[in-house]
Every structure is written in C-alpha cells, then in structure tokens.
C-alpha cells in the first residue's frame, strides 16, 4: 500500500477508535452514575487513575521501540525487527511484575485511604479486577504493536480496538440495566479487551516472520529507562489531580472531576488519533533522514493548531449545557462548575498544542535529554495542586495542571527548535498568537450565535454544537488562508497524496 493511502487509512482508523473510545467514555460513566451513584463512579475513577500507569508504560516503552524500529522496518530487516521486539517484550515482562507487586500493595492500602461507604473487600476486589483489565490489554502485545506503528499500519490495530470498545459498551449497558454488580461489569470489560493483543500477535508473527528465540543484543532499547522515568513523571503529572482529590477531598469531587475530564481528554484523544498518521510518517522520514521532514512537521503543526482551536473553542461554548444534560438525573453532587471547566479546557488545549513537538522528540529518540523537564512538570503540578486544593478545591488542582502543562509545552518547543529540526522559535510564536486571537474572536462570535439556540436535550445540544463549530471553523480557516497559505497547501497535499511543489 502506498504511504499516502496508509496515511489516510491510519487517520480514518485512528479517528474511528477514538470516536468509539470517547463514546465509551461518555456512555459507561453515565451507566455507572445512574446504576450506582456518584460515590461508586468516583471510586472507579480514582482506582482507574491510580492504576492507569501500565498503559502509559506500554506507550513509553513503545516510543523507544518505535524509534529503533523505523529504520529496520523501512529496510525490511527481519532480524533486527525481531531483536527489538524481543527486547521490548522481555523488558515489559519486568514492568508487568513490578505492576503486580504495586497492585497488591495498593489494593491493601487504598481502602483505608479513601473515604467510602463500601467495606474493605468490596474496594479490594474492585482494585484487583480493574488491574487485571489493564494487564491483559497491554502485557501480551507490547512489542508486536510497535511493529505496526513503525510500518505505518496502525489501522489494523485500531480497527480491532474500535470493535472491542463497541462490544464493551453494549455489554456494560446491558449489565447495568439488569442490575449486575460493578465488579461483574469490569470483569466482562476485561474479557473483551484481551482479544486485541492476541489478534495482533498472530498477525505480526505471520506477516513479519519474527524469530522469537533470537538472542537480544546489548545496545537495544538503550534509552528505555530514561523514557521510563519520563513516563512515570507523566503518569504522576496526569494523575496528580485524582490523587490529590482522593487524599484531600471526597469521592463526589472525584466524580465531578472525572465527568469534566471525560470531555476534555476525549477531545485530546480525537486530536491525537487524527495526528497518528503524521506521527508515523514523521518517524519514518526522520529515520531515513528524508529532507521532507521539515515540510511534514510544519503541516503537522498547523493541523494540530487548527484542530485544537476548533475543538476547544467549541467545547468552551457548549460544555456547561452538555454537563447539565448528562447529569440531569444525578442529584447527589454539584456538577455545575464553570470556572473549573474553563481551566480544564485551557490545560488540555495546551497539552494538544505540544503534541507535534513531543512526538518529534520521541521519534528522534531524545528521551534522556528531555527527562528533567518531564520531572519538573510533575513536580510543579504536585506542589501547586497540594497548595491550592485546600482553599480552592477542584479549581486549585486545575490551576496546578494548567501551569505545569504550559511550562513543559514551552520547553519542548524550544528544545525542538535548537536540537532536532533547528527551526526558529518565532514559527511557533506566530501560530500561537494568531490562533490565540482567532480563538478569542471565534469564542465571542460563537457565543453570540449560540445564545439564540436552546439546548435542553442531546439533539438540540448537537445542533447548537454544530452551529458553534461552523462559526469557529470559518474563522480558523480564514487564519489559515491569510497567514499560512504555504503550510495549508502542504497540509492539503499530505492528505491528497500529492507532493508539494518546491
């Protein structure tokens, strides 16, 4: 398959899996809220937050493996591919063992830390079930999935994942309606997601003729511990809010946080999925020292700025009406939090803006050089969140996240400019200021238009959102045409399968 077609299929499949993931993240919590209440929803969100680092570990180790796989995959070097995959799998076995040890300790301690109406065994067994669900998803296919990423065939992986999400949602809705326990719901979900790694393993082994018994050489995945440190730092940073709220606030506060986070992280997941095709292409070009990597990155950067402005300005206009509809039947907690909503949207938007820079650093394999900034981001978030949560609650932890996100985003932009692509900082600054002003204008215009549209149900809310998005798209599109005509053309060429004229 031609690379241009792979980019299209990867983008479509990435969007499909994220749409189904977002759909799942909207439907499942609502089922839990209605069936079990805000306390259980908060309990599940807290446990999931603490145990979610295995997926990040898989992603972190995967980044190192991908950086070493781009060249052998491009050269069809089966032996070197096998070596990297085997090294990845063996390393992840050690990570999984540490995870199991952590889970057992956490399951014993957590029931005494969190304020819950449930007894010890209820919480203890729920922790174990959610942990098993994480383990089966990422343990069995850690190395094999990276081959598909490096070969720009992630559409295979995502197609399987999208089907698993849909089946999991269907089963969750059915189980909560018939009165099944939350434990049964989570066990069933875990059984569904074990299909993905098993199918991927079979496909990759046959397609690439991997040698499982090949001896792993020294010098493979040399930066795995550096990236592991970054991954742990990112996990701490991304879960700081839930951790701080678990210790200092109530499960109802965590439930409120999880509903808003569901919206913002859902949007960033969609943006990330749409960019996965670019990420694989960038890694492949950088691995082959292709001179077109600069043009691809510029198009990627513009693409992310466009998507971020459109998605998050639209969200800022309609999020409160959505939350009101979503929690209309839930009266045991206060879900109307407009200031918190704005801060969450800003923080997640900043995270999305840094995607091109973070992914380019990963593709270049600069993990050791950038690990200090990752630790600083986590440290800033923890310190500010703990200091501010006492007086400001949810708003306090959101401020901590926002400041930490802004710090590392600027760091990555500067690092990339001087150490990898050698592009001027003003390229980023021009886009930031342009799209910042465009976002402000779009927000004011969209709010004025949407004020005439009531949203007391999902259908009317969807209509209102579409109208708002059209207004935002028009203003953002005008910015592209007027200020970034060359990069806009390159972006269109990337999806059209054409090479930009020099």
Protein backbone atom coordinates (compact mmCIF):
# COMPACT_ATOMS: atom_id res chain seq x y z
CA UNK A 1 0.00 0.00 0.00
CA UNK A 2 1.30 3.48 -0.88
CA UNK A 3 2.34 5.71 2.00
CA UNK A 4 -0.26 8.36 1.09
CA UNK A 5 -3.02 5.75 1.30
CA UNK A 6 -1.61 4.46 4.58
CA UNK A 7 -1.77 7.98 5.99
CA UNK A 8 -5.45 8.17 5.04
CA UNK A 9 -6.29 4.72 6.43
CA UNK A 10 -4.31 5.36 9.61
CA UNK A 11 -6.09 8.67 10.11
CA UNK A 12 -9.53 7.16 9.48
CA UNK A 13 -8.86 4.18 11.75
CA UNK A 14 -7.34 6.40 14.45
CA UNK A 15 -10.39 8.64 14.33
CA UNK A 16 -12.70 5.61 14.44
CA UNK A 17 -11.04 4.14 17.51
CA UNK A 18 -11.00 7.45 19.34
CA UNK A 19 -14.63 8.16 18.47
CA UNK A 20 -15.58 4.77 19.87
CA UNK A 21 -13.32 5.36 22.89
CA UNK A 22 -14.93 8.75 23.53
CA UNK A 23 -18.36 7.21 23.01
CA UNK A 24 -17.44 4.57 25.57
CA UNK A 25 -16.11 7.18 28.00
CA UNK A 26 -19.43 9.04 27.77
CA UNK A 27 -21.80 6.08 27.97
CA UNK A 28 -20.07 3.93 30.60
CA UNK A 29 -19.75 6.61 33.34
CA UNK A 30 -23.37 7.62 32.82
CA UNK A 31 -24.45 4.00 33.23
CA UNK A 32 -22.38 3.79 36.42
CA UNK A 33 -23.77 7.10 37.74
CA UNK A 34 -27.36 6.03 37.20
CA UNK A 35 -26.91 2.47 38.43
CA UNK A 36 -24.59 3.01 41.40
CA UNK A 37 -24.37 6.79 42.10
CA UNK A 38 -21.61 9.44 42.27
CA UNK A 39 -19.70 7.70 45.09
CA UNK A 40 -19.13 4.50 43.10
CA UNK A 41 -18.36 6.48 39.95
CA UNK A 42 -15.79 8.46 41.95
CA UNK A 43 -14.38 5.25 43.42
CA UNK A 44 -13.96 3.66 39.98
CA UNK A 45 -12.41 6.86 38.59
CA UNK A 46 -9.97 7.05 41.49
CA UNK A 47 -8.88 3.41 41.17
CA UNK A 48 -8.55 3.73 37.39
CA UNK A 49 -6.45 6.86 37.82
CA UNK A 50 -4.02 5.21 40.23
CA UNK A 51 -3.70 2.03 38.16
CA UNK A 52 -3.58 3.60 34.71
CA UNK A 53 0.19 3.82 34.55
CA UNK A 54 0.55 0.43 32.81
CA UNK A 55 -0.94 1.84 29.61
CA UNK A 56 1.49 4.75 29.86
CA UNK A 57 4.37 2.33 30.43
CA UNK A 58 3.36 0.47 27.27
CA UNK A 59 3.27 3.75 25.41
CA UNK A 60 6.57 4.88 26.92
CA UNK A 61 8.48 1.69 26.14
CA UNK A 62 6.72 1.69 22.78
CA UNK A 63 8.16 5.12 21.93
CA UNK A 64 11.70 3.81 22.48
CA UNK A 65 10.98 0.65 20.48
CA UNK A 66 9.42 2.64 17.63
CA UNK A 67 12.43 4.94 17.42
CA UNK A 68 14.61 1.83 16.90
CA UNK A 69 12.15 0.10 14.57
CA UNK A 70 11.63 2.80 11.95
CA UNK A 71 14.88 2.08 10.11
CA UNK A 72 14.82 -1.78 10.15
CA UNK A 73 11.14 -1.81 9.17
CA UNK A 74 11.84 0.55 6.26
CA UNK A 75 14.76 -1.71 5.22
CA UNK A 76 12.74 -4.91 5.87
CA UNK A 77 15.47 -6.16 8.21
CA UNK A 78 13.55 -9.04 9.83
CA UNK A 79 16.41 -9.97 12.13
CA UNK A 80 16.75 -6.50 13.66
CA UNK A 81 12.98 -6.18 13.96
CA UNK A 82 12.90 -9.46 15.89
CA UNK A 83 15.68 -8.29 18.20
CA UNK A 84 13.86 -5.05 19.07
CA UNK A 85 10.51 -6.79 19.55
CA UNK A 86 12.02 -9.48 21.79
CA UNK A 87 13.84 -6.86 23.85
CA UNK A 88 10.63 -4.88 24.24
CA UNK A 89 8.67 -7.93 25.33
CA UNK A 90 11.28 -9.01 27.88
CA UNK A 91 11.52 -5.52 29.33
CA UNK A 92 7.76 -5.28 29.60
CA UNK A 93 7.71 -8.58 31.49
CA UNK A 94 9.75 -6.84 34.20
CA UNK A 95 7.40 -3.86 34.15
CA UNK A 96 4.40 -6.16 34.49
CA UNK A 97 5.97 -7.89 37.51
CA UNK A 98 6.50 -4.53 39.21
CA UNK A 99 2.93 -3.62 38.33
CA UNK A 100 1.58 -6.76 40.01
CA UNK A 101 3.57 -6.04 43.17
CA UNK A 102 2.29 -2.45 43.20
CA UNK A 103 -1.32 -3.56 42.64
CA UNK A 104 -1.30 -5.97 45.58
CA UNK A 105 0.10 -3.31 47.90
CA UNK A 106 -2.27 -0.66 46.57
CA UNK A 107 -5.29 -2.95 46.93
CA UNK A 108 -4.47 -3.45 50.61
CA UNK A 109 -3.77 0.21 51.42
CA UNK A 110 -6.33 2.04 49.26
CA UNK A 111 -9.48 1.00 51.19
CA UNK A 112 -8.03 2.69 54.29
CA UNK A 113 -7.06 5.91 52.44
CA UNK A 114 -10.26 6.69 50.55
CA UNK A 115 -13.44 7.75 52.32
CA UNK A 116 -16.07 5.31 51.09
CA UNK A 117 -19.23 3.69 52.36
CA UNK A 118 -18.09 0.32 50.99
CA UNK A 119 -16.27 -2.28 53.07
CA UNK A 120 -12.64 -3.38 52.66
CA UNK A 121 -13.33 -6.44 50.48
CA UNK A 122 -15.60 -4.53 48.11
CA UNK A 123 -12.86 -1.99 47.36
CA UNK A 124 -10.02 -4.53 47.48
CA UNK A 125 -11.58 -6.82 44.87
CA UNK A 126 -12.58 -3.89 42.64
CA UNK A 127 -8.94 -2.75 42.57
CA UNK A 128 -7.79 -6.25 41.54
CA UNK A 129 -10.40 -6.52 38.78
CA UNK A 130 -9.53 -3.15 37.23
CA UNK A 131 -5.82 -4.01 37.48
CA UNK A 132 -6.35 -7.30 35.61
CA UNK A 133 -8.26 -5.42 32.91
CA UNK A 134 -5.23 -3.16 32.41
CA UNK A 135 -2.76 -6.04 32.47
CA UNK A 136 -4.42 -8.19 29.81
CA UNK A 137 -4.69 -5.24 27.40
CA UNK A 138 -1.03 -4.28 27.41
CA UNK A 139 1.07 -7.21 28.57
CA UNK A 140 0.57 -9.66 25.71
CA UNK A 141 1.11 -7.34 22.74
CA UNK A 142 3.56 -4.69 23.92
CA UNK A 143 6.31 -5.47 21.39
CA UNK A 144 4.20 -6.59 18.46
CA UNK A 145 2.06 -3.45 18.35
CA UNK A 146 5.13 -1.27 17.84
CA UNK A 147 5.94 -3.00 14.56
CA UNK A 148 2.58 -1.89 13.18
CA UNK A 149 3.24 1.67 14.34
CA UNK A 150 6.70 1.73 12.74
CA UNK A 151 5.38 0.26 9.47
CA UNK A 152 2.53 2.81 9.37
CA UNK A 153 -0.09 0.05 9.66
CA UNK A 154 -1.79 1.20 12.81
CA UNK A 155 -5.16 0.95 11.06
CA UNK A 156 -5.04 -2.80 11.77
CA UNK A 157 -4.53 -2.27 15.48
CA UNK A 158 -7.15 0.45 15.75
CA UNK A 159 -9.81 -1.44 13.83
CA UNK A 160 -9.64 -4.25 16.39
CA UNK A 161 -9.64 -1.77 19.27
CA UNK A 162 -12.70 0.09 17.94
CA UNK A 163 -14.67 -3.16 17.74
CA UNK A 164 -13.65 -4.01 21.32
CA UNK A 165 -14.84 -0.62 22.60
CA UNK A 166 -18.24 -1.02 20.97
CA UNK A 167 -18.73 -4.54 22.33
CA UNK A 168 -17.67 -3.40 25.80
CA UNK A 169 -20.19 -0.54 25.75
CA UNK A 170 -23.02 -2.84 24.67
CA UNK A 171 -22.26 -5.32 27.45
CA UNK A 172 -21.88 -2.55 30.06
CA UNK A 173 -25.26 -1.01 29.19
CA UNK A 174 -26.92 -4.44 29.37
CA UNK A 175 -25.28 -5.45 32.64
CA UNK A 176 -26.11 -2.20 34.44
CA UNK A 177 -29.71 -2.39 33.26
CA UNK A 178 -30.22 -5.90 34.59
CA UNK A 179 -28.74 -4.93 37.97
CA UNK A 180 -25.33 -6.61 37.77
CA UNK A 181 -22.64 -5.50 40.23
CA UNK A 182 -19.88 -3.09 39.26
CA UNK A 183 -17.45 -5.99 39.72
CA UNK A 184 -19.22 -8.04 37.05
CA UNK A 185 -19.24 -5.05 34.69
CA UNK A 186 -15.47 -4.61 34.98
CA UNK A 187 -14.72 -8.34 34.67
CA UNK A 188 -16.72 -8.53 31.45
CA UNK A 189 -14.94 -5.50 30.03
CA UNK A 190 -11.55 -7.08 30.77
CA UNK A 191 -12.51 -10.24 28.89
CA UNK A 192 -13.45 -8.22 25.81
CA UNK A 193 -10.17 -6.32 25.57
CA UNK A 194 -7.92 -9.38 25.71
CA UNK A 195 -8.86 -10.05 22.06
CA UNK A 196 -6.78 -7.16 20.69
CA UNK A 197 -3.29 -8.29 21.75
CA UNK A 198 -4.00 -11.89 20.78
CA UNK A 199 -5.05 -10.97 17.22
CA UNK A 200 -2.14 -8.54 16.82
CA UNK A 201 0.35 -11.18 17.97
CA UNK A 202 -0.84 -13.69 15.40
CA UNK A 203 -0.86 -11.16 12.55
CA UNK A 204 2.60 -9.66 13.25
CA UNK A 205 4.30 -13.03 13.73
CA UNK A 206 2.99 -14.27 10.37
CA UNK A 207 3.43 -11.05 8.42
CA UNK A 208 6.98 -10.24 9.52
CA UNK A 209 8.30 -13.77 10.17
CA UNK A 210 9.65 -12.78 13.57
CA UNK A 211 12.13 -15.01 15.37
CA UNK A 212 11.00 -15.30 18.97
CA UNK A 213 14.11 -17.20 20.08
CA UNK A 214 16.59 -14.68 18.68
CA UNK A 215 19.11 -13.61 21.33
CA UNK A 216 18.69 -9.99 22.35
CA UNK A 217 21.85 -7.96 21.82
CA UNK A 218 23.26 -5.34 24.14
CA UNK A 219 22.60 -1.81 22.98
CA UNK A 220 18.93 -2.40 22.12
CA UNK A 221 16.44 -0.05 23.80
CA UNK A 222 19.35 1.75 25.42
CA UNK A 223 17.13 4.67 26.49
CA UNK A 224 14.32 2.58 27.91
CA UNK A 225 15.00 3.61 31.50
CA UNK A 226 15.26 7.28 30.52
CA UNK A 227 11.89 7.13 28.81
CA UNK A 228 10.52 5.03 31.66
CA UNK A 229 11.43 7.85 34.00
CA UNK A 230 9.64 10.30 31.71
CA UNK A 231 6.62 8.01 31.56
CA UNK A 232 6.44 7.74 35.34
CA UNK A 233 6.77 11.53 35.58
CA UNK A 234 3.96 11.99 33.06
CA UNK A 235 1.79 9.49 34.92
CA UNK A 236 2.30 11.37 38.17
CA UNK A 237 1.57 14.65 36.40
CA UNK A 238 -1.54 13.39 34.58
CA UNK A 239 -2.95 11.68 37.67
CA UNK A 240 -1.97 14.32 40.22
CA UNK A 241 -5.47 15.81 40.21
CA UNK A 242 -7.14 12.48 41.03
CA UNK A 243 -4.50 11.62 43.62
CA UNK A 244 -4.78 14.98 45.39
CA UNK A 245 -8.58 14.88 45.30
CA UNK A 246 -8.57 11.32 46.66
CA UNK A 247 -6.48 12.35 49.66
CA UNK A 248 -7.90 15.81 50.38
CA UNK A 249 -11.47 15.77 49.02
CA UNK A 250 -14.42 13.41 48.59
CA UNK A 251 -15.39 10.75 46.07
CA UNK A 252 -18.11 13.11 44.85
CA UNK A 253 -15.44 15.68 43.97
CA UNK A 254 -13.59 12.98 42.03
CA UNK A 255 -16.80 12.10 40.22
CA UNK A 256 -17.29 15.75 39.20
CA UNK A 257 -13.67 15.94 38.06
CA UNK A 258 -13.99 12.72 36.06
CA UNK A 259 -17.03 13.98 34.13
CA UNK A 260 -15.29 17.18 33.02
CA UNK A 261 -12.08 15.28 32.35
CA UNK A 262 -14.07 12.85 30.23
CA UNK A 263 -14.93 15.72 27.88
CA UNK A 264 -11.50 17.36 27.69
CA UNK A 265 -9.46 14.18 27.42
CA UNK A 266 -11.96 12.85 24.90
CA UNK A 267 -11.26 15.83 22.66
CA UNK A 268 -7.49 15.49 23.04
CA UNK A 269 -7.77 11.78 22.23
CA UNK A 270 -9.59 12.58 19.00
CA UNK A 271 -6.97 15.16 18.06
CA UNK A 272 -4.21 12.68 18.89
CA UNK A 273 -5.86 10.00 16.78
CA UNK A 274 -6.12 12.31 13.79
CA UNK A 275 -2.42 13.06 14.17
CA UNK A 276 -1.19 9.46 14.47
CA UNK A 277 -0.76 9.17 10.71
CA UNK A 278 1.52 12.21 10.76
CA UNK A 279 3.45 10.82 13.74
CA UNK A 280 4.25 7.57 11.94
CA UNK A 281 5.16 9.47 8.76
CA UNK A 282 7.46 11.84 10.67
CA UNK A 283 9.20 8.96 12.40
CA UNK A 284 9.69 7.15 9.10
CA UNK A 285 11.07 10.27 7.37
CA UNK A 286 13.36 11.12 10.27
CA UNK A 287 14.64 7.54 10.45
CA UNK A 288 15.51 7.65 6.74
CA UNK A 289 16.93 11.21 7.02
CA UNK A 290 14.36 12.38 4.47
CA UNK A 291 14.74 16.11 3.73
CA UNK A 292 10.94 16.46 3.55
CA UNK A 293 10.65 16.03 7.32
CA UNK A 294 10.66 19.83 7.80
CA UNK A 295 7.68 20.31 5.47
CA UNK A 296 5.81 17.40 7.05
CA UNK A 297 6.36 18.79 10.52
CA UNK A 298 5.14 22.26 9.54
CA UNK A 299 1.97 20.76 8.07
CA UNK A 300 1.54 18.60 11.19
CA UNK A 301 1.99 21.64 13.44
CA UNK A 302 -0.63 23.65 11.54
CA UNK A 303 -3.00 20.68 11.59
CA UNK A 304 -2.77 20.43 15.38
CA UNK A 305 -3.27 24.17 15.89
CA UNK A 306 -6.37 24.06 13.68
CA UNK A 307 -7.89 21.06 15.44
CA UNK A 308 -7.10 22.40 18.90
CA UNK A 309 -8.68 25.78 18.19
CA UNK A 310 -11.80 24.25 16.64
CA UNK A 311 -12.37 21.55 19.25
CA UNK A 312 -11.65 23.50 22.41
CA UNK A 313 -13.33 26.78 21.46
CA UNK A 314 -16.43 24.77 20.60
CA UNK A 315 -16.12 22.93 23.91
CA UNK A 316 -15.80 26.19 25.85
CA UNK A 317 -19.11 27.35 24.35
CA UNK A 318 -21.16 24.20 24.92
CA UNK A 319 -19.59 22.19 27.75
CA UNK A 320 -21.81 23.51 30.54
CA UNK A 321 -25.02 22.74 28.67
CA UNK A 322 -23.71 19.24 27.95
CA UNK A 323 -22.81 18.59 31.59
CA UNK A 324 -26.27 19.81 32.62
CA UNK A 325 -27.96 17.32 30.28
CA UNK A 326 -25.53 14.49 31.07
CA UNK A 327 -26.08 14.72 34.84
CA UNK A 328 -29.76 15.75 34.77
CA UNK A 329 -30.80 12.63 36.70
CA UNK A 330 -27.92 12.80 39.20
CA UNK A 331 -28.67 14.96 42.26
CA UNK A 332 -26.08 13.77 44.79
CA UNK A 333 -23.26 16.14 43.71
CA UNK A 334 -22.79 19.66 42.26
CA UNK A 335 -21.74 19.26 38.62
CA UNK A 336 -22.16 22.91 37.58
CA UNK A 337 -18.54 24.18 37.76
CA UNK A 338 -17.97 26.87 35.03
CA UNK A 339 -14.60 28.21 36.29
CA UNK A 340 -13.22 24.70 36.68
CA UNK A 341 -14.47 23.89 33.16
CA UNK A 342 -12.58 26.82 31.59
CA UNK A 343 -9.34 25.90 33.37
CA UNK A 344 -9.62 22.25 32.32
CA UNK A 345 -10.23 23.26 28.70
CA UNK A 346 -7.22 25.60 28.68
CA UNK A 347 -4.93 22.98 30.22
CA UNK A 348 -5.94 20.25 27.77
CA UNK A 349 -5.70 22.64 24.81
CA UNK A 350 -2.11 23.47 25.78
CA UNK A 351 -1.39 19.74 26.04
CA UNK A 352 -2.69 19.25 22.49
CA UNK A 353 -0.60 22.10 21.12
CA UNK A 354 2.57 20.36 22.26
CA UNK A 355 1.77 17.05 20.51
CA UNK A 356 3.89 17.73 17.39
CA UNK A 357 6.92 18.72 19.46
CA UNK A 358 6.61 15.84 21.91
CA UNK A 359 6.10 13.29 19.14
CA UNK A 360 9.04 14.63 17.15
CA UNK A 361 11.29 14.40 20.21
CA UNK A 362 10.13 10.79 20.69
CA UNK A 363 10.69 9.93 17.01
CA UNK A 364 14.23 11.31 17.30
CA UNK A 365 14.86 9.22 20.42
CA UNK A 366 15.81 12.17 22.65
CA UNK A 367 14.49 10.68 25.87
CA UNK A 368 17.48 11.12 28.16
CA UNK A 369 17.98 14.75 27.10
CA UNK A 370 14.40 15.76 27.95
CA UNK A 371 13.71 13.75 31.10
CA UNK A 372 14.43 16.61 33.54
CA UNK A 373 11.64 18.73 32.05
CA UNK A 374 9.20 15.83 32.48
CA UNK A 375 10.15 15.58 36.15
CA UNK A 376 9.79 19.35 36.56
CA UNK A 377 6.30 19.24 35.03
CA UNK A 378 5.18 16.60 37.53
CA UNK A 379 6.79 18.49 40.41
CA UNK A 380 5.12 21.79 39.52
CA UNK A 381 1.73 20.10 39.26
CA UNK A 382 2.04 18.30 42.60
CA UNK A 383 3.27 21.33 44.55
CA UNK A 384 0.71 23.79 43.17
CA UNK A 385 -2.19 21.33 43.40
CA UNK A 386 -1.49 20.46 47.05
CA UNK A 387 -1.04 24.13 47.98
CA UNK A 388 -4.21 25.30 46.21
CA UNK A 389 -6.63 22.41 46.83
CA UNK A 390 -7.09 23.40 50.48
CA UNK A 391 -8.73 26.70 49.61
CA UNK A 392 -9.95 26.27 46.04
CA UNK A 393 -10.77 22.55 45.72
CA UNK A 394 -11.32 21.49 42.10
CA UNK A 395 -10.25 24.88 40.78
CA UNK A 396 -6.97 24.62 42.69
CA UNK A 397 -5.93 21.33 41.12
CA UNK A 398 -6.93 22.63 37.69
CA UNK A 399 -4.62 25.65 38.11
CA UNK A 400 -1.74 23.35 39.04
CA UNK A 401 -2.30 21.29 35.90
CA UNK A 402 -2.56 24.37 33.68
CA UNK A 403 0.72 25.90 34.86
CA UNK A 404 2.59 22.58 34.57
CA UNK A 405 1.25 21.98 31.05
CA UNK A 406 2.31 25.46 29.93
CA UNK A 407 5.84 25.01 31.31
CA UNK A 408 6.62 21.77 29.50
CA UNK A 409 5.00 22.85 26.25
CA UNK A 410 7.31 25.86 26.02
CA UNK A 411 10.29 23.68 26.95
CA UNK A 412 9.57 21.18 24.16
CA UNK A 413 9.12 23.92 21.58
CA UNK A 414 12.48 25.47 22.50
CA UNK A 415 14.25 22.10 22.67
CA UNK A 416 12.99 21.04 19.25
CA UNK A 417 13.98 24.38 17.73
CA UNK A 418 17.59 24.11 18.85
CA UNK A 419 18.32 20.37 18.94
CA UNK A 420 16.32 18.45 16.33
CA UNK A 421 14.72 20.41 13.49
CA UNK A 422 16.61 23.67 14.00
CA UNK A 423 13.59 25.85 13.24
CA UNK A 424 13.12 29.34 14.62
CA UNK A 425 11.04 29.80 17.79
CA UNK A 426 9.06 32.54 16.07
CA UNK A 427 7.41 29.90 13.86
CA UNK A 428 5.65 28.59 16.96
CA UNK A 429 5.07 32.05 18.40
CA UNK A 430 3.40 33.28 15.20
CA UNK A 431 0.99 30.35 15.21
CA UNK A 432 0.30 30.69 18.94
CA UNK A 433 -0.55 34.38 18.73
CA UNK A 434 -2.53 34.01 15.51
CA UNK A 435 -4.64 31.13 16.71
CA UNK A 436 -4.95 32.63 20.19
CA UNK A 437 -6.53 35.78 18.73
CA UNK A 438 -8.62 33.68 16.33
CA UNK A 439 -9.83 31.51 19.23
CA UNK A 440 -10.86 34.60 21.20
CA UNK A 441 -12.75 36.07 18.26
CA UNK A 442 -14.34 32.71 17.45
CA UNK A 443 -15.44 32.25 21.05
CA UNK A 444 -17.17 35.64 21.18
CA UNK A 445 -18.84 35.15 17.80
CA UNK A 446 -19.91 31.58 18.55
CA UNK A 447 -21.31 32.53 21.98
CA UNK A 448 -23.35 35.32 20.40
CA UNK A 449 -24.79 32.95 17.80
CA UNK A 450 -25.38 30.03 20.20
CA UNK A 451 -27.27 32.27 22.65
CA UNK A 452 -30.29 32.01 20.34
CA UNK A 453 -30.27 28.17 20.41
CA UNK A 454 -31.73 26.37 23.39
CA UNK A 455 -30.13 23.07 24.42
CA UNK A 456 -32.41 21.11 26.75
CA UNK A 457 -31.74 17.72 25.17
CA UNK A 458 -28.99 15.86 23.32
CA UNK A 459 -30.42 16.57 19.86
CA UNK A 460 -30.71 20.32 20.37
CA UNK A 461 -27.33 20.34 22.06
CA UNK A 462 -25.83 18.62 19.00
CA UNK A 463 -27.45 21.22 16.72
CA UNK A 464 -26.07 24.02 18.89
CA UNK A 465 -22.59 22.43 18.84
CA UNK A 466 -22.63 22.10 15.06
CA UNK A 467 -23.59 25.76 14.62
CA UNK A 468 -20.83 26.82 17.01
CA UNK A 469 -18.29 24.61 15.23
CA UNK A 470 -19.19 26.05 11.81
CA UNK A 471 -18.58 29.58 13.11
CA UNK A 472 -15.26 28.56 14.67
CA UNK A 473 -14.15 26.67 11.53
CA UNK A 474 -14.87 29.71 9.37
CA UNK A 475 -12.68 31.99 11.47
CA UNK A 476 -9.87 29.43 11.84
CA UNK A 477 -9.97 28.68 8.11
CA UNK A 478 -9.63 32.40 7.36
CA UNK A 479 -6.48 32.48 9.53
CA UNK A 480 -5.02 29.56 7.54
CA UNK A 481 -5.67 31.18 4.17
CA UNK A 482 -4.41 34.64 5.09
CA UNK A 483 -1.43 33.87 7.37
CA UNK A 484 -0.28 30.34 6.49
CA UNK A 485 -1.03 29.72 2.77
CA UNK A 486 2.11 27.64 2.10
CA UNK A 487 1.66 25.31 5.06
CA UNK A 488 -2.06 24.99 4.33
CA UNK A 489 -1.19 23.80 0.82
CA UNK A 490 1.33 21.32 2.22
CA UNK A 491 -1.32 20.03 4.63
CA UNK A 492 -3.83 19.52 1.83
CA UNK A 493 -1.17 17.78 -0.26
CA UNK A 494 -0.39 15.41 2.63
CA UNK A 495 -3.97 14.16 2.70
CA UNK A 496 -4.38 14.33 -1.05
CA UNK A 497 -1.40 12.07 -1.70
CA UNK A 498 0.47 14.72 -3.68
CA UNK A 499 3.96 16.08 -3.24
CA UNK A 500 4.17 19.77 -2.61
CA UNK A 501 5.97 21.72 -5.29
CA UNK A 502 9.20 23.27 -4.19
